[in-house]
Amino acid sequence: MNAYSPVPRQPSPDFLAGHLETVSLIERLHRLLLDVIKDEFERLGVIDLNPVQALMLFHIADKEVTAGELKSRGYYQGSNVSYNLKKLVDAGYMHHQRCEVDRRAVRVRLTEKGRAVHRAIGELFARHADGLRTRPVLDRDTQDTLVAGLRRVERFWGEQIRYIY
């Protein structure tokens, strides 16, 4: 701690326990999502694609983007973006071309093979949304509250990176 850091206040033990449980759940849910995607693509017979790459294709959708744009949108870490984009181009899931304005930047977009992956992930997510609603695991109000709370946590963590430390 330096001279400019405020003295941290201690949260109540129950609030800290809830925060730690939230962090743990976020980590586990992310890993579970990757496992669900991996299983889906194994069922479909797609073996040249990992779950992170499949999510990249899903998020890119019909846009044309650079690696920097993917990172700045918060989807992926820096070094992994370039590696995964290269693998996706080599496997025929994406087209790439140098940006006319900035020759250092490469713009990428999905090929038909990449769009098929995008559709498969979209169908998987639609099935899950339907299952969450019909079982019932989540109703619309609970989902809205959950999303709003997670967005506030996202903003708070983003502020910690940009402004506090």
N, C-alpha and C. Protein backbone atom coordinates (compact mmCIF):
# COMPACT_ATOMS: atom_id res chain seq x y z
N MET A 1 0.85 -1.17 0.00
CA MET A 1 0.00 0.00 0.00
C MET A 1 0.90 1.23 0.00
N ASN A 2 0.58 2.25 -0.82
CA ASN A 2 1.39 3.46 -0.84
C ASN A 2 0.69 4.57 -0.08
N ALA A 3 1.33 5.73 0.00
CA ALA A 3 0.80 6.85 0.77
C ALA A 3 -0.52 7.37 0.21
N TYR A 4 -0.82 7.10 -1.04
CA TYR A 4 -2.05 7.60 -1.67
C TYR A 4 -3.22 6.64 -1.54
N SER A 5 -2.96 5.42 -1.12
CA SER A 5 -4.02 4.43 -1.01
C SER A 5 -4.84 4.67 0.24
N PRO A 6 -6.14 4.65 0.10
CA PRO A 6 -6.97 4.80 1.30
C PRO A 6 -6.87 3.54 2.16
N VAL A 7 -7.12 3.69 3.43
CA VAL A 7 -7.14 2.53 4.32
C VAL A 7 -8.38 1.72 3.98
N PRO A 8 -8.20 0.44 3.63
CA PRO A 8 -9.37 -0.35 3.23
C PRO A 8 -10.28 -0.62 4.42
N ARG A 9 -11.58 -0.54 4.15
CA ARG A 9 -12.56 -0.90 5.17
C ARG A 9 -12.83 -2.39 5.03
N GLN A 10 -13.11 -3.02 6.10
CA GLN A 10 -13.40 -4.45 6.07
C GLN A 10 -14.90 -4.67 5.87
N PRO A 11 -15.27 -5.46 4.86
CA PRO A 11 -16.70 -5.76 4.68
C PRO A 11 -17.15 -6.71 5.79
N SER A 12 -18.42 -6.80 5.97
CA SER A 12 -18.94 -7.76 6.95
C SER A 12 -18.57 -9.17 6.47
N PRO A 13 -18.35 -10.08 7.41
CA PRO A 13 -17.96 -11.45 7.02
C PRO A 13 -18.98 -12.10 6.08
N ASP A 14 -20.27 -11.85 6.28
CA ASP A 14 -21.26 -12.49 5.41
C ASP A 14 -21.24 -11.90 4.00
N PHE A 15 -20.96 -10.57 3.89
CA PHE A 15 -20.88 -9.97 2.56
C PHE A 15 -19.63 -10.47 1.83
N LEU A 16 -18.51 -10.57 2.55
CA LEU A 16 -17.28 -11.09 1.95
C LEU A 16 -17.49 -12.53 1.49
N ALA A 17 -18.15 -13.34 2.31
CA ALA A 17 -18.41 -14.74 1.92
C ALA A 17 -19.28 -14.79 0.66
N GLY A 18 -20.28 -13.91 0.58
CA GLY A 18 -21.13 -13.87 -0.61
C GLY A 18 -20.35 -13.44 -1.84
N HIS A 19 -19.43 -12.48 -1.66
CA HIS A 19 -18.60 -12.02 -2.78
C HIS A 19 -17.71 -13.16 -3.27
N LEU A 20 -17.08 -13.87 -2.34
CA LEU A 20 -16.20 -14.97 -2.73
C LEU A 20 -16.98 -16.08 -3.42
N GLU A 21 -18.21 -16.33 -2.96
CA GLU A 21 -19.05 -17.32 -3.63
C GLU A 21 -19.41 -16.86 -5.04
N THR A 22 -19.70 -15.58 -5.21
CA THR A 22 -20.01 -15.03 -6.53
C THR A 22 -18.83 -15.20 -7.48
N VAL A 23 -17.63 -14.85 -7.03
CA VAL A 23 -16.43 -14.99 -7.85
C VAL A 23 -16.23 -16.46 -8.24
N SER A 24 -16.39 -17.34 -7.28
CA SER A 24 -16.22 -18.77 -7.55
C SER A 24 -17.26 -19.27 -8.56
N LEU A 25 -18.50 -18.83 -8.40
CA LEU A 25 -19.55 -19.23 -9.35
C LEU A 25 -19.27 -18.73 -10.76
N ILE A 26 -18.81 -17.49 -10.87
CA ILE A 26 -18.49 -16.95 -12.20
C ILE A 26 -17.41 -17.80 -12.86
N GLU A 27 -16.37 -18.15 -12.11
CA GLU A 27 -15.30 -18.99 -12.67
C GLU A 27 -15.84 -20.35 -13.09
N ARG A 28 -16.61 -20.98 -12.23
CA ARG A 28 -17.15 -22.32 -12.54
C ARG A 28 -18.11 -22.28 -13.72
N LEU A 29 -18.97 -21.26 -13.75
CA LEU A 29 -19.90 -21.16 -14.87
C LEU A 29 -19.17 -21.00 -16.20
N HIS A 30 -18.11 -20.21 -16.20
CA HIS A 30 -17.34 -20.04 -17.45
C HIS A 30 -16.74 -21.38 -17.89
N ARG A 31 -16.15 -22.11 -16.95
CA ARG A 31 -15.57 -23.41 -17.31
C ARG A 31 -16.66 -24.38 -17.78
N LEU A 32 -17.81 -24.37 -17.10
CA LEU A 32 -18.91 -25.23 -17.51
C LEU A 32 -19.42 -24.88 -18.91
N LEU A 33 -19.51 -23.59 -19.19
CA LEU A 33 -19.94 -23.17 -20.53
C LEU A 33 -18.98 -23.72 -21.58
N LEU A 34 -17.68 -23.62 -21.32
CA LEU A 34 -16.71 -24.15 -22.28
C LEU A 34 -16.87 -25.66 -22.44
N ASP A 35 -17.15 -26.36 -21.34
CA ASP A 35 -17.37 -27.82 -21.43
C ASP A 35 -18.64 -28.15 -22.22
N VAL A 36 -19.70 -27.39 -22.02
CA VAL A 36 -20.94 -27.60 -22.75
C VAL A 36 -20.70 -27.42 -24.26
N ILE A 37 -19.96 -26.36 -24.62
CA ILE A 37 -19.66 -26.10 -26.03
C ILE A 37 -18.79 -27.21 -26.59
N LYS A 38 -17.78 -27.64 -25.82
CA LYS A 38 -16.92 -28.73 -26.25
C LYS A 38 -17.74 -30.00 -26.53
N ASP A 39 -18.62 -30.34 -25.60
CA ASP A 39 -19.46 -31.53 -25.79
C ASP A 39 -20.35 -31.41 -27.03
N GLU A 40 -20.92 -30.24 -27.24
CA GLU A 40 -21.78 -30.03 -28.41
C GLU A 40 -21.00 -30.25 -29.71
N PHE A 41 -19.79 -29.73 -29.77
CA PHE A 41 -19.02 -29.87 -31.01
C PHE A 41 -18.48 -31.29 -31.17
N GLU A 42 -18.23 -31.98 -30.08
CA GLU A 42 -17.87 -33.40 -30.20
C GLU A 42 -19.04 -34.19 -30.78
N ARG A 43 -20.27 -33.88 -30.33
CA ARG A 43 -21.47 -34.55 -30.88
C ARG A 43 -21.63 -34.24 -32.37
N LEU A 44 -21.28 -33.02 -32.76
CA LEU A 44 -21.40 -32.62 -34.16
C LEU A 44 -20.24 -33.11 -35.01
N GLY A 45 -19.21 -33.69 -34.38
CA GLY A 45 -18.05 -34.19 -35.10
C GLY A 45 -17.05 -33.11 -35.49
N VAL A 46 -17.12 -31.97 -34.85
CA VAL A 46 -16.16 -30.88 -35.12
C VAL A 46 -15.02 -31.02 -34.13
N ILE A 47 -13.83 -31.37 -34.65
CA ILE A 47 -12.70 -31.63 -33.76
C ILE A 47 -11.55 -30.64 -33.95
N ASP A 48 -11.66 -29.76 -34.94
CA ASP A 48 -10.57 -28.82 -35.20
C ASP A 48 -10.82 -27.45 -34.59
N LEU A 49 -11.68 -27.40 -33.59
CA LEU A 49 -12.11 -26.14 -33.02
C LEU A 49 -12.23 -26.31 -31.51
N ASN A 50 -11.64 -25.38 -30.74
CA ASN A 50 -11.83 -25.47 -29.29
C ASN A 50 -12.97 -24.54 -28.87
N PRO A 51 -13.47 -24.68 -27.64
CA PRO A 51 -14.62 -23.88 -27.21
C PRO A 51 -14.38 -22.37 -27.23
N VAL A 52 -13.18 -21.94 -26.89
CA VAL A 52 -12.87 -20.50 -26.92
C VAL A 52 -12.97 -19.99 -28.35
N GLN A 53 -12.45 -20.74 -29.29
CA GLN A 53 -12.52 -20.33 -30.70
C GLN A 53 -13.97 -20.31 -31.17
N ALA A 54 -14.76 -21.28 -30.74
CA ALA A 54 -16.18 -21.31 -31.13
C ALA A 54 -16.89 -20.07 -30.59
N LEU A 55 -16.60 -19.67 -29.35
CA LEU A 55 -17.21 -18.46 -28.79
C LEU A 55 -16.75 -17.22 -29.55
N MET A 56 -15.49 -17.19 -29.98
CA MET A 56 -15.02 -16.06 -30.78
C MET A 56 -15.84 -15.95 -32.05
N LEU A 57 -16.06 -17.08 -32.72
CA LEU A 57 -16.86 -17.07 -33.95
C LEU A 57 -18.28 -16.60 -33.66
N PHE A 58 -18.83 -17.04 -32.54
CA PHE A 58 -20.18 -16.62 -32.18
C PHE A 58 -20.25 -15.11 -31.97
N HIS A 59 -19.28 -14.56 -31.25
CA HIS A 59 -19.30 -13.12 -30.95
C HIS A 59 -18.99 -12.26 -32.18
N ILE A 60 -18.17 -12.75 -33.06
CA ILE A 60 -17.86 -11.98 -34.28
C ILE A 60 -19.09 -11.91 -35.17
N ALA A 61 -19.80 -13.01 -35.31
CA ALA A 61 -21.05 -13.08 -36.08
C ALA A 61 -20.85 -12.51 -37.48
N ASP A 62 -21.62 -11.50 -37.85
CA ASP A 62 -21.54 -10.95 -39.20
C ASP A 62 -20.70 -9.69 -39.28
N LYS A 63 -19.93 -9.40 -38.22
CA LYS A 63 -19.09 -8.21 -38.20
C LYS A 63 -17.73 -8.49 -38.84
N GLU A 64 -17.06 -7.45 -39.22
CA GLU A 64 -15.66 -7.53 -39.64
C GLU A 64 -14.87 -6.78 -38.59
N VAL A 65 -13.92 -7.44 -37.93
CA VAL A 65 -13.24 -6.87 -36.76
C VAL A 65 -11.74 -7.11 -36.82
N THR A 66 -11.03 -6.39 -35.96
CA THR A 66 -9.59 -6.63 -35.75
C THR A 66 -9.42 -7.35 -34.42
N ALA A 67 -8.24 -7.91 -34.21
CA ALA A 67 -7.94 -8.55 -32.92
C ALA A 67 -8.05 -7.53 -31.79
N GLY A 68 -7.60 -6.32 -32.03
CA GLY A 68 -7.68 -5.28 -31.02
C GLY A 68 -9.12 -4.97 -30.62
N GLU A 69 -10.01 -4.98 -31.60
CA GLU A 69 -11.42 -4.73 -31.29
C GLU A 69 -12.01 -5.84 -30.43
N LEU A 70 -11.63 -7.08 -30.70
CA LEU A 70 -12.11 -8.19 -29.87
C LEU A 70 -11.62 -8.03 -28.43
N LYS A 71 -10.36 -7.63 -28.29
CA LYS A 71 -9.81 -7.44 -26.94
C LYS A 71 -10.48 -6.26 -26.25
N SER A 72 -10.65 -5.15 -26.96
CA SER A 72 -11.21 -3.95 -26.33
C SER A 72 -12.68 -4.14 -25.95
N ARG A 73 -13.37 -5.05 -26.63
CA ARG A 73 -14.76 -5.35 -26.27
C ARG A 73 -14.83 -6.25 -25.04
N GLY A 74 -13.66 -6.70 -24.57
CA GLY A 74 -13.63 -7.49 -23.35
C GLY A 74 -13.88 -8.97 -23.53
N TYR A 75 -13.87 -9.47 -24.78
CA TYR A 75 -14.14 -10.88 -24.98
C TYR A 75 -12.92 -11.76 -24.70
N TYR A 76 -11.70 -11.26 -24.99
CA TYR A 76 -10.54 -12.14 -24.96
C TYR A 76 -9.31 -11.41 -24.49
N GLN A 77 -8.35 -12.18 -23.96
CA GLN A 77 -7.07 -11.64 -23.55
C GLN A 77 -6.18 -11.45 -24.79
N GLY A 78 -5.27 -10.51 -24.70
CA GLY A 78 -4.46 -10.09 -25.84
C GLY A 78 -3.74 -11.16 -26.62
N SER A 79 -2.82 -11.90 -26.00
CA SER A 79 -2.01 -12.85 -26.75
C SER A 79 -2.87 -13.99 -27.29
N ASN A 80 -3.90 -14.39 -26.57
CA ASN A 80 -4.75 -15.47 -27.03
C ASN A 80 -5.56 -15.09 -28.27
N VAL A 81 -5.89 -13.83 -28.41
CA VAL A 81 -6.68 -13.40 -29.57
C VAL A 81 -5.92 -13.68 -30.85
N SER A 82 -4.70 -13.21 -30.94
CA SER A 82 -3.92 -13.39 -32.17
C SER A 82 -3.70 -14.87 -32.48
N TYR A 83 -3.37 -15.66 -31.47
CA TYR A 83 -3.16 -17.09 -31.67
C TYR A 83 -4.42 -17.75 -32.21
N ASN A 84 -5.55 -17.49 -31.54
CA ASN A 84 -6.81 -18.13 -31.95
C ASN A 84 -7.28 -17.65 -33.31
N LEU A 85 -7.11 -16.37 -33.61
CA LEU A 85 -7.50 -15.88 -34.93
C LEU A 85 -6.68 -16.56 -36.02
N LYS A 86 -5.37 -16.72 -35.79
CA LYS A 86 -4.53 -17.40 -36.78
C LYS A 86 -5.01 -18.84 -36.98
N LYS A 87 -5.31 -19.54 -35.90
CA LYS A 87 -5.80 -20.92 -36.01
C LYS A 87 -7.12 -20.97 -36.78
N LEU A 88 -8.01 -20.02 -36.52
CA LEU A 88 -9.31 -19.99 -37.20
C LEU A 88 -9.16 -19.69 -38.68
N VAL A 89 -8.23 -18.81 -39.03
CA VAL A 89 -7.98 -18.52 -40.45
C VAL A 89 -7.39 -19.76 -41.12
N ASP A 90 -6.38 -20.38 -40.47
CA ASP A 90 -5.74 -21.57 -41.04
C ASP A 90 -6.73 -22.72 -41.24
N ALA A 91 -7.73 -22.83 -40.34
CA ALA A 91 -8.71 -23.93 -40.43
C ALA A 91 -9.88 -23.59 -41.35
N GLY A 92 -9.89 -22.38 -41.91
CA GLY A 92 -10.93 -22.03 -42.86
C GLY A 92 -12.21 -21.47 -42.25
N TYR A 93 -12.16 -21.08 -40.98
CA TYR A 93 -13.35 -20.52 -40.33
C TYR A 93 -13.46 -19.01 -40.53
N MET A 94 -12.34 -18.38 -40.92
CA MET A 94 -12.33 -16.93 -41.09
C MET A 94 -11.51 -16.52 -42.30
N HIS A 95 -11.90 -15.38 -42.88
CA HIS A 95 -11.10 -14.69 -43.89
C HIS A 95 -10.33 -13.59 -43.16
N HIS A 96 -9.18 -13.24 -43.69
CA HIS A 96 -8.47 -12.09 -43.12
C HIS A 96 -7.88 -11.26 -44.25
N GLN A 97 -7.76 -9.96 -43.99
CA GLN A 97 -7.09 -9.07 -44.94
C GLN A 97 -6.56 -7.88 -44.18
N ARG A 98 -5.49 -7.31 -44.71
CA ARG A 98 -4.89 -6.12 -44.10
C ARG A 98 -5.85 -4.96 -44.21
N CYS A 99 -5.89 -4.17 -43.16
CA CYS A 99 -6.73 -2.98 -43.14
C CYS A 99 -6.12 -1.94 -44.08
N GLU A 100 -6.93 -1.33 -44.91
CA GLU A 100 -6.42 -0.35 -45.88
C GLU A 100 -5.89 0.90 -45.20
N VAL A 101 -6.49 1.31 -44.09
CA VAL A 101 -6.07 2.53 -43.40
C VAL A 101 -4.81 2.28 -42.58
N ASP A 102 -4.79 1.20 -41.79
CA ASP A 102 -3.64 0.86 -40.95
C ASP A 102 -3.14 -0.50 -41.39
N ARG A 103 -2.08 -0.53 -42.18
CA ARG A 103 -1.58 -1.77 -42.77
C ARG A 103 -1.11 -2.78 -41.72
N ARG A 104 -0.87 -2.31 -40.47
CA ARG A 104 -0.45 -3.24 -39.42
C ARG A 104 -1.62 -4.07 -38.94
N ALA A 105 -2.82 -3.54 -39.04
CA ALA A 105 -4.01 -4.23 -38.54
C ALA A 105 -4.55 -5.20 -39.58
N VAL A 106 -5.06 -6.30 -39.08
CA VAL A 106 -5.70 -7.30 -39.94
C VAL A 106 -7.17 -7.37 -39.55
N ARG A 107 -8.04 -7.28 -40.54
CA ARG A 107 -9.48 -7.38 -40.30
C ARG A 107 -9.91 -8.81 -40.64
N VAL A 108 -10.79 -9.36 -39.83
CA VAL A 108 -11.26 -10.72 -40.05
C VAL A 108 -12.78 -10.75 -40.11
N ARG A 109 -13.27 -11.74 -40.84
CA ARG A 109 -14.72 -11.98 -40.90
C ARG A 109 -14.91 -13.48 -41.12
N LEU A 110 -16.10 -13.96 -40.81
CA LEU A 110 -16.38 -15.39 -40.88
C LEU A 110 -16.54 -15.86 -42.32
N THR A 111 -16.05 -17.06 -42.56
CA THR A 111 -16.35 -17.76 -43.81
C THR A 111 -17.69 -18.47 -43.63
N GLU A 112 -18.15 -19.17 -44.65
CA GLU A 112 -19.38 -19.95 -44.49
C GLU A 112 -19.20 -21.01 -43.40
N LYS A 113 -18.03 -21.61 -43.35
CA LYS A 113 -17.73 -22.60 -42.30
C LYS A 113 -17.82 -21.95 -40.92
N GLY A 114 -17.34 -20.73 -40.78
CA GLY A 114 -17.42 -20.00 -39.52
C GLY A 114 -18.85 -19.62 -39.18
N ARG A 115 -19.62 -19.24 -40.19
CA ARG A 115 -21.04 -18.90 -39.97
C ARG A 115 -21.83 -20.13 -39.52
N ALA A 116 -21.45 -21.30 -39.99
CA ALA A 116 -22.12 -22.53 -39.55
C ALA A 116 -21.87 -22.77 -38.06
N VAL A 117 -20.66 -22.48 -37.61
CA VAL A 117 -20.35 -22.60 -36.18
C VAL A 117 -21.16 -21.57 -35.39
N HIS A 118 -21.23 -20.35 -35.91
CA HIS A 118 -22.03 -19.30 -35.26
C HIS A 118 -23.48 -19.77 -35.10
N ARG A 119 -24.04 -20.35 -36.15
CA ARG A 119 -25.42 -20.84 -36.09
C ARG A 119 -25.57 -21.97 -35.07
N ALA A 120 -24.59 -22.89 -35.04
CA ALA A 120 -24.65 -24.02 -34.11
C ALA A 120 -24.62 -23.54 -32.65
N ILE A 121 -23.77 -22.58 -32.36
CA ILE A 121 -23.71 -22.02 -31.00
C ILE A 121 -25.02 -21.29 -30.70
N GLY A 122 -25.54 -20.54 -31.65
CA GLY A 122 -26.81 -19.84 -31.45
C GLY A 122 -27.94 -20.82 -31.15
N GLU A 123 -27.97 -21.95 -31.87
CA GLU A 123 -28.99 -22.97 -31.62
C GLU A 123 -28.82 -23.60 -30.24
N LEU A 124 -27.57 -23.84 -29.85
CA LEU A 124 -27.29 -24.39 -28.52
C LEU A 124 -27.80 -23.43 -27.44
N PHE A 125 -27.47 -22.15 -27.58
CA PHE A 125 -27.90 -21.16 -26.59
C PHE A 125 -29.43 -21.02 -26.57
N ALA A 126 -30.06 -21.12 -27.73
CA ALA A 126 -31.52 -21.04 -27.77
C ALA A 126 -32.15 -22.23 -27.04
N ARG A 127 -31.59 -23.42 -27.23
CA ARG A 127 -32.09 -24.60 -26.51
C ARG A 127 -31.93 -24.42 -25.00
N HIS A 128 -30.79 -23.88 -24.61
CA HIS A 128 -30.55 -23.65 -23.17
C HIS A 128 -31.51 -22.62 -22.62
N ALA A 129 -31.72 -21.54 -23.34
CA ALA A 129 -32.65 -20.50 -22.87
C ALA A 129 -34.04 -21.09 -22.70
N ASP A 130 -34.46 -21.91 -23.65
CA ASP A 130 -35.77 -22.53 -23.56
C ASP A 130 -35.84 -23.47 -22.35
N GLY A 131 -34.80 -24.25 -22.14
CA GLY A 131 -34.76 -25.16 -21.00
C GLY A 131 -34.77 -24.41 -19.67
N LEU A 132 -34.02 -23.31 -19.57
CA LEU A 132 -34.01 -22.52 -18.34
C LEU A 132 -35.40 -21.95 -18.04
N ARG A 133 -36.11 -21.59 -19.08
CA ARG A 133 -37.44 -20.99 -18.93
C ARG A 133 -38.49 -22.04 -18.62
N THR A 134 -38.46 -23.16 -19.32
CA THR A 134 -39.56 -24.13 -19.20
C THR A 134 -39.40 -25.08 -18.02
N ARG A 135 -38.23 -25.22 -17.43
CA ARG A 135 -38.06 -26.22 -16.37
C ARG A 135 -38.67 -25.86 -15.04
N PRO A 136 -38.88 -24.81 -14.49
CA PRO A 136 -38.32 -23.47 -14.65
C PRO A 136 -37.09 -23.28 -13.76
N VAL A 137 -36.01 -22.88 -14.35
CA VAL A 137 -34.78 -22.57 -13.63
C VAL A 137 -34.72 -21.06 -13.38
N LEU A 138 -35.03 -20.28 -14.41
CA LEU A 138 -35.04 -18.82 -14.32
C LEU A 138 -36.31 -18.27 -14.94
N ASP A 139 -36.94 -17.32 -14.26
CA ASP A 139 -38.00 -16.58 -14.93
C ASP A 139 -37.40 -15.27 -15.43
N ARG A 140 -38.16 -14.54 -16.20
CA ARG A 140 -37.64 -13.33 -16.84
C ARG A 140 -37.18 -12.28 -15.80
N ASP A 141 -37.95 -12.09 -14.73
CA ASP A 141 -37.57 -11.10 -13.72
C ASP A 141 -36.26 -11.48 -13.03
N THR A 142 -36.11 -12.76 -12.69
CA THR A 142 -34.88 -13.22 -12.04
C THR A 142 -33.70 -13.05 -12.99
N GLN A 143 -33.91 -13.39 -14.26
CA GLN A 143 -32.84 -13.23 -15.25
C GLN A 143 -32.45 -11.76 -15.38
N ASP A 144 -33.42 -10.87 -15.45
CA ASP A 144 -33.12 -9.43 -15.55
C ASP A 144 -32.34 -8.94 -14.34
N THR A 145 -32.73 -9.38 -13.14
CA THR A 145 -32.03 -8.98 -11.92
C THR A 145 -30.61 -9.51 -11.92
N LEU A 146 -30.44 -10.76 -12.33
CA LEU A 146 -29.12 -11.39 -12.39
C LEU A 146 -28.21 -10.64 -13.37
N VAL A 147 -28.71 -10.36 -14.55
CA VAL A 147 -27.91 -9.66 -15.56
C VAL A 147 -27.54 -8.26 -15.08
N ALA A 148 -28.50 -7.56 -14.49
CA ALA A 148 -28.22 -6.20 -14.00
C ALA A 148 -27.14 -6.23 -12.92
N GLY A 149 -27.23 -7.18 -12.01
CA GLY A 149 -26.22 -7.29 -10.96
C GLY A 149 -24.84 -7.62 -11.51
N LEU A 150 -24.79 -8.54 -12.45
CA LEU A 150 -23.49 -8.90 -13.05
C LEU A 150 -22.90 -7.74 -13.85
N ARG A 151 -23.73 -6.95 -14.50
CA ARG A 151 -23.23 -5.77 -15.22
C ARG A 151 -22.61 -4.77 -14.25
N ARG A 152 -23.23 -4.61 -13.08
CA ARG A 152 -22.68 -3.69 -12.07
C ARG A 152 -21.33 -4.21 -11.57
N VAL A 153 -21.22 -5.52 -11.36
CA VAL A 153 -19.94 -6.10 -10.95
C VAL A 153 -18.90 -5.89 -12.06
N GLU A 154 -19.30 -6.10 -13.31
CA GLU A 154 -18.39 -5.89 -14.44
C GLU A 154 -17.87 -4.45 -14.47
N ARG A 155 -18.78 -3.49 -14.29
CA ARG A 155 -18.36 -2.09 -14.26
C ARG A 155 -17.41 -1.81 -13.10
N PHE A 156 -17.74 -2.34 -11.92
CA PHE A 156 -16.90 -2.13 -10.75
C PHE A 156 -15.50 -2.69 -10.98
N TRP A 157 -15.41 -3.93 -11.48
CA TRP A 157 -14.10 -4.53 -11.73
C TRP A 157 -13.35 -3.74 -12.80
N GLY A 158 -14.04 -3.31 -13.83
CA GLY A 158 -13.40 -2.50 -14.87
C GLY A 158 -12.85 -1.20 -14.30
N GLU A 159 -13.58 -0.57 -13.41
CA GLU A 159 -13.10 0.66 -12.77
C GLU A 159 -11.87 0.39 -11.91
N GLN A 160 -11.81 -0.76 -11.27
CA GLN A 160 -10.66 -1.09 -10.45
C GLN A 160 -9.40 -1.17 -11.31
N ILE A 161 -9.54 -1.72 -12.48
CA ILE A 161 -8.39 -1.84 -13.39
C ILE A 161 -7.98 -0.47 -13.92
N ARG A 162 -8.94 0.31 -14.34
CA ARG A 162 -8.63 1.58 -15.00
C ARG A 162 -8.25 2.71 -14.05
N TYR A 163 -8.87 2.76 -12.88
CA TYR A 163 -8.73 3.96 -12.08
C TYR A 163 -8.07 3.78 -10.72
N ILE A 164 -8.16 2.66 -10.13
CA ILE A 164 -7.71 2.50 -8.77
C ILE A 164 -6.25 2.10 -8.70
N TYR A 165 -5.84 1.12 -9.48
CA TYR A 165 -4.50 0.57 -9.31
C TYR A 165 -3.60 0.98 -10.40
